[in-house]
């Protein structure tokens, strides 16, 4: 699976978030709450939903299913979109991303492949910015035909100059 490399412009998102771990994963509750209130968000740029994770800098270095991170359920909006009460805005800084098209049921093996096979063999290394998945028109929760895009923040590995 080869990703496309894309420069993402800055985006403004509105949604809700929770701190969680893989061991105590509350993703389904987060999304149920967000989807019940999604209609309150105006000025959305697209109908695509965004599942976004903010990991601490040592998250992947000292990986454990008990490590906490922050997960957002959100949607991209215009810079002037009002923030519904009880929701928050997040400014997603732009930058370089490896974008993987994924089809199938949710499977943590795809992330294992990205971080342990593709990334070490690539000319990129992980950058410490938010990771996210774009859940577009072809996304169908718990369906083997579901499609989504996985966006991993990267930067080029340092190239040492030799003289």
Protein backbone atom coordinates (compact mmCIF):
# COMPACT_ATOMS: atom_id res chain seq x y z
CA UNK A 1 0.00 0.00 0.00
CA UNK A 2 1.67 3.17 -1.20
CA UNK A 3 0.38 6.52 0.03
CA UNK A 4 0.22 9.77 -1.82
CA UNK A 5 2.19 12.61 -0.22
CA UNK A 6 0.21 15.80 0.14
CA UNK A 7 0.75 19.27 1.58
CA UNK A 8 -2.31 20.04 3.67
CA UNK A 9 -3.34 23.69 4.05
CA UNK A 10 -4.46 24.94 7.46
CA UNK A 11 -8.05 23.96 8.29
CA UNK A 12 -10.53 25.03 10.94
CA UNK A 13 -12.53 22.23 12.50
CA UNK A 14 -15.48 22.20 14.89
CA UNK A 15 -16.44 19.23 17.01
CA UNK A 16 -16.06 17.53 20.34
CA UNK A 17 -13.18 15.64 21.90
CA UNK A 18 -12.32 13.20 24.67
CA UNK A 19 -9.15 11.89 26.24
CA UNK A 20 -8.90 8.11 25.94
CA UNK A 21 -6.54 5.19 25.44
CA UNK A 22 -6.72 2.16 23.17
CA UNK A 23 -7.37 0.04 26.26
CA UNK A 24 -10.23 2.31 27.38
CA UNK A 25 -11.48 3.35 23.96
CA UNK A 26 -14.58 5.57 24.00
CA UNK A 27 -14.65 6.34 20.27
CA UNK A 28 -18.18 5.01 19.73
CA UNK A 29 -19.61 7.18 22.53
CA UNK A 30 -17.73 10.22 21.23
CA UNK A 31 -19.12 9.75 17.72
CA UNK A 32 -22.65 9.02 18.94
CA UNK A 33 -22.63 12.31 20.85
CA UNK A 34 -21.16 14.24 17.91
CA UNK A 35 -23.55 12.79 15.33
CA UNK A 36 -26.56 13.65 17.48
CA UNK A 37 -25.40 17.30 17.43
CA UNK A 38 -23.82 17.56 13.98
CA UNK A 39 -26.85 19.47 12.63
CA UNK A 40 -25.91 22.39 14.94
CA UNK A 41 -22.75 23.12 12.94
CA UNK A 42 -23.16 25.63 10.13
CA UNK A 43 -20.81 26.67 7.34
CA UNK A 44 -19.29 23.20 6.82
CA UNK A 45 -17.02 23.03 3.77
CA UNK A 46 -17.90 19.42 2.97
CA UNK A 47 -20.00 16.58 4.35
CA UNK A 48 -16.81 14.66 5.16
CA UNK A 49 -16.41 13.77 8.81
CA UNK A 50 -12.98 13.86 10.43
CA UNK A 51 -11.78 11.52 13.16
CA UNK A 52 -8.66 13.20 14.55
CA UNK A 53 -6.11 12.08 17.13
CA UNK A 54 -3.60 14.23 19.02
CA UNK A 55 -0.84 12.09 20.48
CA UNK A 56 1.78 13.14 23.05
CA UNK A 57 5.30 13.31 21.58
CA UNK A 58 6.43 10.09 23.29
CA UNK A 59 3.26 8.12 22.39
CA UNK A 60 4.84 6.00 19.65
CA UNK A 61 8.29 5.81 21.26
CA UNK A 62 6.96 4.28 24.48
CA UNK A 63 3.85 2.68 22.99
CA UNK A 64 1.34 1.02 25.28
CA UNK A 65 -2.43 0.50 24.85
CA UNK A 66 -2.74 2.32 28.19
CA UNK A 67 -1.19 5.56 26.85
CA UNK A 68 -3.66 8.41 26.65
CA UNK A 69 -4.35 10.62 23.64
CA UNK A 70 -7.10 13.05 22.63
CA UNK A 71 -9.61 12.06 19.95
CA UNK A 72 -11.85 14.50 18.10
CA UNK A 73 -15.06 13.91 16.15
CA UNK A 74 -15.32 16.96 13.90
CA UNK A 75 -15.98 18.55 10.55
CA UNK A 76 -14.16 21.24 8.52
CA UNK A 77 -15.84 24.65 8.59
CA UNK A 78 -15.30 28.17 7.32
CA UNK A 79 -13.07 30.47 9.38
CA UNK A 80 -16.12 32.47 10.49
CA UNK A 81 -18.42 29.55 11.40
CA UNK A 82 -20.02 29.98 14.83
CA UNK A 83 -19.13 27.41 17.48
CA UNK A 84 -22.20 25.67 18.93
CA UNK A 85 -22.40 25.67 22.70
CA UNK A 86 -20.61 22.64 24.16
CA UNK A 87 -18.40 22.20 21.08
CA UNK A 88 -14.95 23.54 20.37
CA UNK A 89 -12.91 24.76 17.45
CA UNK A 90 -9.54 23.31 16.47
CA UNK A 91 -7.09 24.87 14.05
CA UNK A 92 -5.39 22.04 12.17
CA UNK A 93 -2.02 23.39 11.13
CA UNK A 94 -0.97 22.54 7.62
CA UNK A 95 1.97 20.45 6.59
CA UNK A 96 3.14 17.32 4.85
CA UNK A 97 1.00 14.16 5.16
CA UNK A 98 1.17 10.61 3.88
CA UNK A 99 -2.38 9.75 2.78
CA UNK A 100 -3.42 6.10 2.69
CA UNK A 101 -6.64 5.00 0.99
CA UNK A 102 -8.12 2.23 3.08
CA UNK A 103 -11.01 -0.08 2.27
CA UNK A 104 -12.52 -2.60 4.65
CA UNK A 105 -13.53 -3.13 8.23
CA UNK A 106 -11.67 -1.22 10.94
CA UNK A 107 -8.43 -3.13 11.48
CA UNK A 108 -5.47 -1.99 13.63
CA UNK A 109 -3.18 -3.98 11.29
CA UNK A 110 -3.24 -1.07 8.81
CA UNK A 111 -1.66 1.21 11.42
CA UNK A 112 0.88 -1.47 12.33
CA UNK A 113 1.83 -1.66 8.63
CA UNK A 114 2.11 2.14 8.34
CA UNK A 115 4.29 2.60 11.44
CA UNK A 116 6.42 -0.57 11.35
CA UNK A 117 6.77 -1.31 7.62
CA UNK A 118 6.03 1.67 5.39
CA UNK A 119 7.38 4.53 7.52
CA UNK A 120 10.80 3.00 8.36
CA UNK A 121 11.36 2.07 4.69
CA UNK A 122 10.24 5.47 3.37
CA UNK A 123 12.11 8.74 3.02
CA UNK A 124 9.87 10.18 5.75
CA UNK A 125 9.63 10.16 9.51
CA UNK A 126 6.71 10.87 11.79
CA UNK A 127 5.94 14.51 12.53
CA UNK A 128 4.25 15.44 15.78
CA UNK A 129 1.04 16.99 14.50
CA UNK A 130 -2.50 15.58 14.55
CA UNK A 131 -3.27 12.32 12.75
CA UNK A 132 -6.73 11.96 11.21
CA UNK A 133 -9.06 9.94 9.05
CA UNK A 134 -11.39 11.47 6.49
CA UNK A 135 -14.72 9.67 6.50
CA UNK A 136 -16.30 10.63 3.20
CA UNK A 137 -19.29 9.49 1.13
CA UNK A 138 -17.94 5.94 0.78
CA UNK A 139 -17.40 5.48 4.53
CA UNK A 140 -19.78 2.95 6.07
CA UNK A 141 -19.13 2.01 9.68
CA UNK A 142 -18.60 -1.77 10.17
CA UNK A 143 -18.92 -2.55 6.44
CA UNK A 144 -16.26 -4.46 4.45
CA UNK A 145 -16.82 -2.09 1.50
CA UNK A 146 -16.21 1.02 3.60
CA UNK A 147 -13.57 3.48 2.34
CA UNK A 148 -11.66 6.19 4.17
CA UNK A 149 -8.41 8.12 3.97
CA UNK A 150 -5.81 7.86 6.73
CA UNK A 151 -3.66 11.01 7.05
CA UNK A 152 -0.32 10.55 8.84
CA UNK A 153 1.81 13.68 9.51
CA UNK A 154 5.32 13.25 8.12
CA UNK A 155 8.47 15.16 7.39
CA UNK A 156 11.45 14.23 5.30
CA UNK A 157 14.25 12.35 7.04
CA UNK A 158 17.36 14.44 7.45
CA UNK A 159 19.83 13.90 4.68
CA UNK A 160 23.38 14.17 5.95
CA UNK A 161 25.80 16.03 3.72
CA UNK A 162 28.99 14.09 3.00
CA UNK A 163 32.19 15.79 1.98
